[in-house]
N, C-alpha and C. Protein backbone atom coordinates (compact mmCIF):
# COMPACT_ATOMS: atom_id res chain seq x y z
N PRO A 1 21.13 47.32 -157.39
CA PRO A 1 22.08 46.31 -156.66
C PRO A 1 22.33 46.68 -155.52
N ASN A 2 22.69 45.68 -154.50
CA ASN A 2 23.20 45.86 -153.28
C ASN A 2 24.49 46.32 -152.84
N ALA A 3 24.54 47.09 -151.54
CA ALA A 3 25.87 47.76 -151.12
C ALA A 3 27.06 46.94 -151.55
N GLN A 4 27.22 46.28 -151.98
CA GLN A 4 28.03 45.12 -152.01
C GLN A 4 28.81 45.07 -153.40
N ALA A 5 27.79 45.48 -154.15
CA ALA A 5 28.11 45.53 -155.53
C ALA A 5 28.96 47.00 -155.97
N ASN A 6 29.53 47.25 -156.97
CA ASN A 6 30.17 48.24 -157.30
C ASN A 6 29.18 48.87 -158.32
N VAL A 7 28.77 50.23 -157.93
CA VAL A 7 27.64 50.83 -158.42
C VAL A 7 28.12 51.72 -159.55
N PRO A 8 27.88 51.68 -160.82
CA PRO A 8 28.67 52.58 -161.76
C PRO A 8 27.34 53.94 -162.33
N PHE A 9 26.85 54.25 -161.13
CA PHE A 9 26.00 55.14 -161.31
C PHE A 9 25.95 56.51 -161.00
N ASP A 10 25.70 57.88 -161.49
CA ASP A 10 26.01 59.01 -160.77
C ASP A 10 24.30 59.34 -160.25
N PHE A 11 24.35 58.81 -158.86
CA PHE A 11 22.97 59.09 -158.39
C PHE A 11 22.88 60.46 -158.24
N GLU A 12 23.76 61.33 -157.77
CA GLU A 12 23.58 62.59 -157.73
C GLU A 12 22.69 63.17 -158.82
N ASN A 13 23.20 63.13 -159.77
CA ASN A 13 22.41 63.45 -161.11
C ASN A 13 20.92 62.73 -161.69
N LEU A 14 20.99 61.36 -161.31
CA LEU A 14 20.26 60.54 -161.62
C LEU A 14 18.67 60.62 -160.67
N ASP A 15 19.08 61.18 -159.52
CA ASP A 15 18.04 60.77 -158.63
C ASP A 15 16.94 61.52 -159.03
N GLU A 16 17.09 62.81 -159.40
CA GLU A 16 15.65 63.75 -159.73
C GLU A 16 14.91 62.96 -160.78
N PHE A 17 15.45 62.18 -161.76
CA PHE A 17 14.30 61.66 -162.70
C PHE A 17 14.14 60.00 -162.32
N ILE A 18 14.50 59.79 -160.72
CA ILE A 18 13.88 58.32 -160.78
C ILE A 18 13.19 58.03 -159.43
N ASP A 19 11.68 57.61 -159.74
CA ASP A 19 10.87 57.33 -158.91
C ASP A 19 10.82 56.48 -157.57
N SER A 20 12.03 55.36 -158.10
CA SER A 20 12.01 54.62 -156.82
C SER A 20 13.33 53.59 -157.59
N TYR A 21 13.97 53.23 -156.42
CA TYR A 21 15.11 52.34 -156.75
C TYR A 21 14.84 50.62 -156.08
N LEU A 22 14.64 49.45 -156.81
CA LEU A 22 14.71 48.42 -156.36
C LEU A 22 16.13 47.92 -156.09
N LEU A 23 15.94 47.48 -154.54
CA LEU A 23 17.02 46.88 -154.20
C LEU A 23 16.76 45.41 -154.11
N ASP A 24 17.59 44.65 -155.13
CA ASP A 24 17.25 43.23 -155.20
C ASP A 24 17.97 42.26 -153.99
N PHE A 25 16.88 41.88 -153.55
CA PHE A 25 17.33 40.61 -152.37
C PHE A 25 16.78 39.43 -152.58
N TYR A 26 16.33 39.15 -154.12
CA TYR A 26 15.64 37.89 -154.60
C TYR A 26 16.96 36.94 -154.78
N ASN A 27 17.75 37.71 -155.44
CA ASN A 27 18.90 36.96 -155.88
C ASN A 27 20.19 36.71 -155.24
N PRO A 28 20.16 35.87 -154.49
CA PRO A 28 21.68 35.53 -153.70
C PRO A 28 22.93 35.93 -154.08
N ILE A 29 23.51 36.31 -153.71
CA ILE A 29 25.03 36.40 -154.08
C ILE A 29 25.90 35.36 -153.73
N GLN A 30 26.19 34.84 -154.86
CA GLN A 30 26.92 33.26 -154.72
C GLN A 30 28.37 33.71 -154.42
N THR A 31 28.76 33.27 -153.18
CA THR A 31 29.90 33.12 -152.73
C THR A 31 30.45 31.95 -152.31
N SER A 32 31.83 32.00 -151.74
CA SER A 32 32.25 30.72 -151.32
C SER A 32 32.06 30.65 -150.09
N ILE A 33 31.37 31.57 -149.43
CA ILE A 33 31.21 31.79 -148.08
C ILE A 33 29.80 31.11 -147.75
N PRO A 34 29.02 30.21 -147.32
CA PRO A 34 27.53 30.22 -146.99
C PRO A 34 27.01 31.13 -146.05
N SER A 35 25.87 31.91 -146.49
CA SER A 35 25.52 33.10 -145.94
C SER A 35 23.78 33.28 -146.02
N PRO A 36 23.11 34.06 -145.28
CA PRO A 36 21.84 34.25 -145.53
C PRO A 36 21.07 34.73 -146.89
N ILE A 37 20.28 34.80 -147.17
CA ILE A 37 20.05 35.45 -148.82
C ILE A 37 20.02 36.93 -148.19
N ALA A 38 19.27 37.28 -147.17
CA ALA A 38 19.07 38.63 -147.23
C ALA A 38 19.02 39.00 -145.54
N SER A 39 20.23 39.00 -144.73
CA SER A 39 20.16 39.56 -143.53
C SER A 39 20.06 40.68 -143.32
N ILE A 40 19.10 41.11 -142.31
CA ILE A 40 19.06 42.42 -141.77
C ILE A 40 20.44 43.06 -141.38
N LYS A 41 21.04 42.44 -140.55
CA LYS A 41 22.29 43.20 -140.14
C LYS A 41 23.28 42.29 -140.76
N GLY A 42 24.68 42.53 -140.16
CA GLY A 42 25.50 41.81 -140.56
C GLY A 42 26.90 42.49 -140.97
N LYS A 43 27.98 42.10 -140.80
CA LYS A 43 28.99 42.78 -141.38
C LYS A 43 29.30 42.70 -142.40
N GLN A 44 28.84 42.05 -143.48
CA GLN A 44 28.83 41.95 -144.69
C GLN A 44 28.09 43.05 -145.36
N LEU A 45 28.61 43.73 -146.76
CA LEU A 45 28.12 44.63 -147.27
C LEU A 45 26.60 44.49 -147.75
N SER A 46 26.41 43.04 -147.82
CA SER A 46 25.25 42.90 -148.44
C SER A 46 24.20 42.66 -147.67
N SER A 47 24.22 42.78 -146.29
CA SER A 47 22.93 43.08 -145.78
C SER A 47 22.00 43.99 -145.66
N ILE A 48 20.62 44.02 -145.47
CA ILE A 48 19.66 45.14 -145.79
C ILE A 48 20.10 46.27 -145.26
N GLU A 49 20.68 46.00 -144.12
CA GLU A 49 20.80 47.54 -143.23
C GLU A 49 22.14 48.30 -143.85
N SER A 50 23.05 47.46 -144.30
CA SER A 50 24.15 48.36 -145.01
C SER A 50 23.88 48.53 -146.20
N THR A 51 23.29 48.01 -146.76
CA THR A 51 22.70 48.51 -148.27
C THR A 51 21.78 49.63 -148.36
N VAL A 52 20.75 49.70 -147.19
CA VAL A 52 20.01 50.91 -147.31
C VAL A 52 20.54 52.00 -146.83
N SER A 53 21.64 51.79 -145.79
CA SER A 53 22.50 52.95 -145.19
C SER A 53 23.52 53.32 -146.44
N TYR A 54 23.85 52.63 -147.53
CA TYR A 54 24.69 52.75 -148.51
C TYR A 54 24.13 53.75 -149.50
N TYR A 55 22.71 53.75 -149.79
CA TYR A 55 21.87 54.38 -150.67
C TYR A 55 21.37 55.80 -149.80
N THR A 56 20.99 55.70 -148.65
CA THR A 56 20.43 56.91 -147.93
C THR A 56 21.89 57.68 -147.91
N ASN A 57 23.18 57.61 -147.73
CA ASN A 57 24.00 58.34 -147.59
C ASN A 57 24.69 58.68 -149.25
N LEU A 58 23.87 58.39 -149.78
CA LEU A 58 23.87 58.95 -151.13
C LEU A 58 22.85 60.12 -151.29
N ASN A 59 22.11 60.22 -150.34
CA ASN A 59 20.98 61.09 -150.17
C ASN A 59 19.88 60.92 -150.81
N ILE A 60 19.87 59.76 -151.00
CA ILE A 60 18.33 58.97 -151.82
C ILE A 60 17.53 58.79 -150.63
N ALA A 61 16.38 59.30 -150.70
CA ALA A 61 14.94 59.49 -149.82
C ALA A 61 14.88 57.85 -149.55
N PRO A 62 14.53 57.56 -148.41
CA PRO A 62 14.19 56.13 -147.87
C PRO A 62 13.14 55.69 -148.47
N GLU A 63 11.79 56.63 -148.82
CA GLU A 63 10.81 56.12 -149.13
C GLU A 63 10.91 55.68 -150.89
N LYS A 64 12.11 56.07 -151.50
CA LYS A 64 12.29 55.78 -152.99
C LYS A 64 13.03 54.24 -153.02
N LEU A 65 13.21 53.79 -151.92
CA LEU A 65 13.94 52.51 -151.94
C LEU A 65 13.19 51.27 -151.70
N ILE A 66 12.84 50.23 -152.60
CA ILE A 66 11.82 49.39 -152.58
C ILE A 66 12.81 48.04 -152.39
N LEU A 67 12.46 47.23 -151.52
CA LEU A 67 13.16 46.11 -151.13
C LEU A 67 12.27 45.12 -151.94
N GLY A 68 13.13 44.18 -152.80
CA GLY A 68 12.60 43.06 -153.43
C GLY A 68 12.89 41.77 -152.42
N LEU A 69 11.90 40.81 -151.87
CA LEU A 69 12.21 40.04 -151.15
C LEU A 69 11.13 38.86 -151.51
N GLY A 70 11.78 37.60 -151.67
CA GLY A 70 10.94 36.68 -151.73
C GLY A 70 11.10 35.17 -151.07
N TYR A 71 10.14 34.35 -151.11
CA TYR A 71 10.05 32.98 -150.68
C TYR A 71 10.79 32.11 -151.27
N GLN A 72 11.99 31.93 -150.88
CA GLN A 72 12.90 30.85 -151.20
C GLN A 72 14.24 30.73 -150.10
N GLY A 73 15.43 29.62 -151.04
CA GLY A 73 16.48 29.34 -150.13
C GLY A 73 17.54 28.73 -151.07
N THR A 74 18.48 28.69 -150.50
CA THR A 74 19.95 28.49 -150.98
C THR A 74 20.27 27.07 -150.22
N ARG A 75 20.83 26.29 -151.25
CA ARG A 75 21.13 24.97 -150.72
C ARG A 75 22.71 24.84 -150.73
N TRP A 76 23.36 24.49 -149.54
CA TRP A 76 24.82 24.29 -149.43
C TRP A 76 24.99 23.10 -149.15
N SER A 77 26.28 22.13 -149.79
CA SER A 77 26.58 21.04 -149.53
C SER A 77 28.03 21.05 -148.42
N PHE A 78 27.92 20.32 -147.66
CA PHE A 78 29.21 20.49 -146.68
C PHE A 78 30.04 19.24 -146.72
N SER A 79 31.67 19.43 -147.08
CA SER A 79 32.37 18.38 -147.16
C SER A 79 33.19 18.24 -145.85
N ALA A 80 33.09 17.17 -144.91
CA ALA A 80 33.59 17.14 -143.86
C ALA A 80 35.10 17.15 -143.91
N SER A 81 35.28 16.46 -144.81
CA SER A 81 36.72 16.05 -145.38
C SER A 81 37.65 17.31 -145.58
N SER A 82 37.04 18.25 -146.29
CA SER A 82 37.85 19.68 -146.73
C SER A 82 37.45 20.77 -145.85
N ASN A 83 36.24 20.26 -144.65
CA ASN A 83 35.64 21.26 -143.90
C ASN A 83 35.14 22.53 -144.72
N ARG A 84 34.91 22.29 -145.58
CA ARG A 84 33.92 23.23 -146.74
C ARG A 84 32.64 23.06 -147.04
N PHE A 85 32.00 24.47 -147.45
CA PHE A 85 30.64 24.40 -147.69
C PHE A 85 30.86 24.64 -149.43
N ASN A 86 30.05 24.13 -150.27
CA ASN A 86 29.87 24.60 -151.78
C ASN A 86 28.71 24.78 -152.17
N PHE A 87 28.36 26.05 -152.40
CA PHE A 87 27.07 26.31 -153.22
C PHE A 87 26.40 25.37 -153.96
N SER A 88 25.01 24.87 -154.05
CA SER A 88 24.35 23.73 -154.86
C SER A 88 23.51 24.49 -155.63
N GLN A 89 22.05 25.23 -154.99
CA GLN A 89 21.20 25.66 -155.96
C GLN A 89 20.46 26.56 -155.11
N ILE A 90 19.78 27.42 -155.90
CA ILE A 90 18.55 28.05 -155.24
C ILE A 90 17.34 27.46 -155.30
N LEU A 91 16.46 27.27 -154.25
CA LEU A 91 15.28 26.54 -154.59
C LEU A 91 14.17 27.72 -153.95
N THR A 92 13.07 27.25 -154.51
CA THR A 92 11.60 28.14 -153.89
C THR A 92 11.37 27.50 -152.48
N TYR A 93 10.62 28.26 -151.95
CA TYR A 93 10.37 27.95 -150.26
C TYR A 93 9.25 26.73 -150.77
N GLY A 94 8.27 26.54 -151.61
CA GLY A 94 7.53 25.29 -151.73
C GLY A 94 8.69 24.21 -151.80
N GLU A 95 9.59 24.18 -152.74
CA GLU A 95 10.42 22.99 -152.94
C GLU A 95 10.92 22.40 -151.90
N ILE A 96 11.35 23.57 -150.72
CA ILE A 96 12.26 23.11 -149.69
C ILE A 96 10.95 22.54 -148.95
N ARG A 97 10.13 23.32 -148.29
CA ARG A 97 8.93 22.45 -147.33
C ARG A 97 8.66 21.40 -147.67
N ARG A 98 8.42 21.06 -149.23
CA ARG A 98 7.96 19.78 -149.77
C ARG A 98 8.98 18.72 -149.49
N ASN A 99 9.88 18.90 -149.59
CA ASN A 99 11.33 17.84 -150.04
C ASN A 99 12.10 17.90 -148.94
N TYR A 100 12.18 18.53 -147.98
CA TYR A 100 13.14 18.71 -146.65
C TYR A 100 12.21 18.94 -145.54
N GLN A 101 12.25 18.27 -144.56
CA GLN A 101 11.18 18.46 -143.52
C GLN A 101 12.04 18.58 -141.99
N TRP A 102 13.35 19.18 -142.12
CA TRP A 102 13.95 19.33 -140.95
C TRP A 102 13.47 20.51 -140.12
N PRO A 103 14.14 20.50 -138.96
CA PRO A 103 13.74 21.58 -138.19
C PRO A 103 14.63 22.86 -138.63
N VAL A 104 13.75 24.16 -138.48
CA VAL A 104 14.36 25.28 -138.60
C VAL A 104 14.80 26.04 -137.55
N MET A 105 16.06 26.77 -137.52
CA MET A 105 16.64 27.47 -136.53
C MET A 105 16.63 29.10 -137.34
N TYR A 106 16.42 29.82 -136.07
CA TYR A 106 15.89 31.21 -136.61
C TYR A 106 17.12 32.07 -135.59
N ASP A 107 17.43 33.22 -136.17
CA ASP A 107 18.38 34.35 -135.73
C ASP A 107 17.47 35.74 -135.81
N ASP A 108 16.63 35.81 -134.50
CA ASP A 108 15.95 36.99 -134.59
C ASP A 108 16.12 38.43 -135.04
N GLU A 109 17.86 38.65 -134.34
CA GLU A 109 18.14 39.78 -134.70
C GLU A 109 18.54 40.09 -136.21
N ASN A 110 18.89 38.89 -136.76
CA ASN A 110 19.04 39.19 -138.46
C ASN A 110 18.01 38.64 -139.32
N GLY A 111 16.79 38.23 -138.84
CA GLY A 111 15.67 37.74 -139.54
C GLY A 111 16.19 36.76 -140.90
N THR A 112 16.87 35.90 -140.08
CA THR A 112 17.20 34.76 -141.06
C THR A 112 16.80 33.29 -140.25
N ALA A 113 17.03 32.29 -141.39
CA ALA A 113 16.64 31.04 -140.76
C ALA A 113 17.68 30.09 -141.54
N THR A 114 18.12 28.82 -140.84
CA THR A 114 18.68 27.66 -141.45
C THR A 114 18.15 26.52 -141.16
N MET A 115 18.48 25.56 -142.14
CA MET A 115 18.16 24.42 -141.84
C MET A 115 19.43 23.29 -142.08
N ASP A 116 19.38 22.77 -141.14
CA ASP A 116 20.83 21.44 -141.19
C ASP A 116 20.34 20.31 -141.63
N SER A 117 21.10 19.51 -142.44
CA SER A 117 20.84 17.86 -142.70
C SER A 117 22.25 17.43 -142.15
N ILE A 118 21.74 16.58 -141.36
CA ILE A 118 22.74 15.63 -140.71
C ILE A 118 22.82 14.24 -140.93
N ASN A 119 23.87 13.54 -140.85
CA ASN A 119 23.63 12.21 -141.25
C ASN A 119 23.65 11.33 -140.21
N LYS A 120 23.39 10.25 -140.60
CA LYS A 120 23.26 9.37 -139.32
C LYS A 120 24.54 9.17 -138.14
N LYS A 121 25.81 9.92 -138.61
CA LYS A 121 27.16 9.62 -137.85
C LYS A 121 26.95 10.80 -137.02
N GLY A 122 25.86 12.05 -137.44
CA GLY A 122 25.96 13.02 -136.62
C GLY A 122 26.69 14.08 -137.50
N VAL A 123 27.04 14.08 -138.64
CA VAL A 123 27.89 15.12 -139.11
C VAL A 123 27.27 15.73 -140.50
N LEU A 124 27.58 17.27 -140.47
CA LEU A 124 26.51 17.80 -141.08
C LEU A 124 26.98 17.78 -142.70
N VAL A 125 25.61 17.50 -143.42
CA VAL A 125 26.06 17.00 -145.01
C VAL A 125 25.34 18.38 -145.67
N ARG A 126 24.23 19.01 -145.44
CA ARG A 126 23.93 19.96 -146.28
C ARG A 126 23.30 20.87 -145.24
N ARG A 127 23.03 22.27 -145.82
CA ARG A 127 22.41 23.46 -144.89
C ARG A 127 22.02 24.51 -146.01
N PHE A 128 20.68 24.62 -145.29
CA PHE A 128 19.97 25.49 -146.15
C PHE A 128 19.75 26.90 -145.67
N PHE A 129 19.67 28.13 -146.14
CA PHE A 129 19.33 29.40 -145.67
C PHE A 129 17.91 29.59 -146.36
N ILE A 130 17.03 29.71 -145.70
CA ILE A 130 15.78 29.91 -146.23
C ILE A 130 14.84 31.54 -145.89
N GLU A 131 14.14 31.90 -146.91
CA GLU A 131 13.20 32.77 -146.12
C GLU A 131 11.78 32.61 -146.27
N ASP A 132 11.10 32.70 -144.89
CA ASP A 132 9.80 31.85 -144.67
C ASP A 132 9.12 33.15 -144.32
N GLN A 133 7.78 32.84 -143.67
CA GLN A 133 7.06 33.95 -143.41
C GLN A 133 7.40 34.79 -142.01
N TYR A 134 8.30 33.89 -141.37
CA TYR A 134 8.87 34.36 -139.79
C TYR A 134 10.08 35.41 -140.24
N THR A 135 10.83 34.83 -141.39
CA THR A 135 12.14 35.70 -141.61
C THR A 135 11.59 36.93 -142.46
N LEU A 136 10.69 36.94 -143.37
CA LEU A 136 10.22 38.10 -144.01
C LEU A 136 9.29 39.02 -143.18
N GLU A 137 8.74 38.40 -142.07
CA GLU A 137 7.67 39.36 -140.95
C GLU A 137 9.04 40.34 -140.52
N LYS A 138 10.10 39.85 -140.05
CA LYS A 138 11.30 40.71 -139.38
C LYS A 138 11.73 41.38 -140.56
N LYS A 139 11.83 41.53 -141.49
CA LYS A 139 12.54 42.35 -142.58
C LYS A 139 11.42 43.29 -143.03
N TYR A 140 10.14 42.89 -143.28
CA TYR A 140 8.89 43.87 -143.09
C TYR A 140 8.70 45.13 -142.04
N ASP A 141 9.17 44.38 -140.82
CA ASP A 141 9.02 45.30 -139.71
C ASP A 141 10.43 46.30 -140.04
N PHE A 142 11.47 45.70 -140.32
CA PHE A 142 12.52 46.88 -140.53
C PHE A 142 12.37 47.83 -141.55
N ILE A 143 11.38 47.13 -142.82
CA ILE A 143 11.17 48.14 -143.99
C ILE A 143 9.93 49.31 -143.25
N LEU A 144 9.14 48.74 -142.72
CA LEU A 144 7.99 50.02 -142.01
C LEU A 144 8.90 51.00 -141.01
N GLN A 145 9.79 50.44 -140.29
CA GLN A 145 10.26 51.18 -139.10
C GLN A 145 11.39 52.19 -139.83
N ASN A 146 11.79 51.74 -141.19
CA ASN A 146 12.75 53.00 -141.74
C ASN A 146 12.14 53.37 -142.97
N GLY A 147 10.77 53.45 -143.04
CA GLY A 147 10.14 54.27 -143.79
C GLY A 147 10.76 53.65 -145.44
N LEU A 148 10.79 52.70 -145.72
CA LEU A 148 11.13 52.11 -146.85
C LEU A 148 9.97 51.51 -147.76
N SER A 149 9.83 50.70 -148.87
CA SER A 149 8.85 50.27 -149.32
C SER A 149 9.43 48.79 -149.65
N PHE A 150 8.45 48.16 -150.27
CA PHE A 150 8.48 46.69 -150.72
C PHE A 150 7.40 46.22 -151.57
N TYR A 151 7.99 45.09 -152.19
CA TYR A 151 6.88 44.42 -153.16
C TYR A 151 7.30 43.05 -153.14
């Protein structure tokens, strides 16, 4: 699990028996606040950087950490009347690109991307957080620079 989860494992005693740890960034954490699937940095504990730091601070060797990343996205609907986002669903990258041809906005520092749907009145209706070749390239660079593994 990522660093945000309460991890009930005794890593100090388990580590000698474990060849590798899979850090799951395939399954987005569903919160009431819209956020990227796997941000490299960020204040939230679910970022890649904070998760890796959490485990390496437990004296787990970086090369034992495998990051699970995928081509996918999350869709959030936005209600202008309540000024709130609501989680809608997880979609594959193929579904997103096939069905939604909106411009993609990139955050290079965090390795994240968003796509917004704006109605004819100029009001935000939906927001997607997506993983694509560009965001994953940023994450693979982080993985290589920090001696981690990926699949």
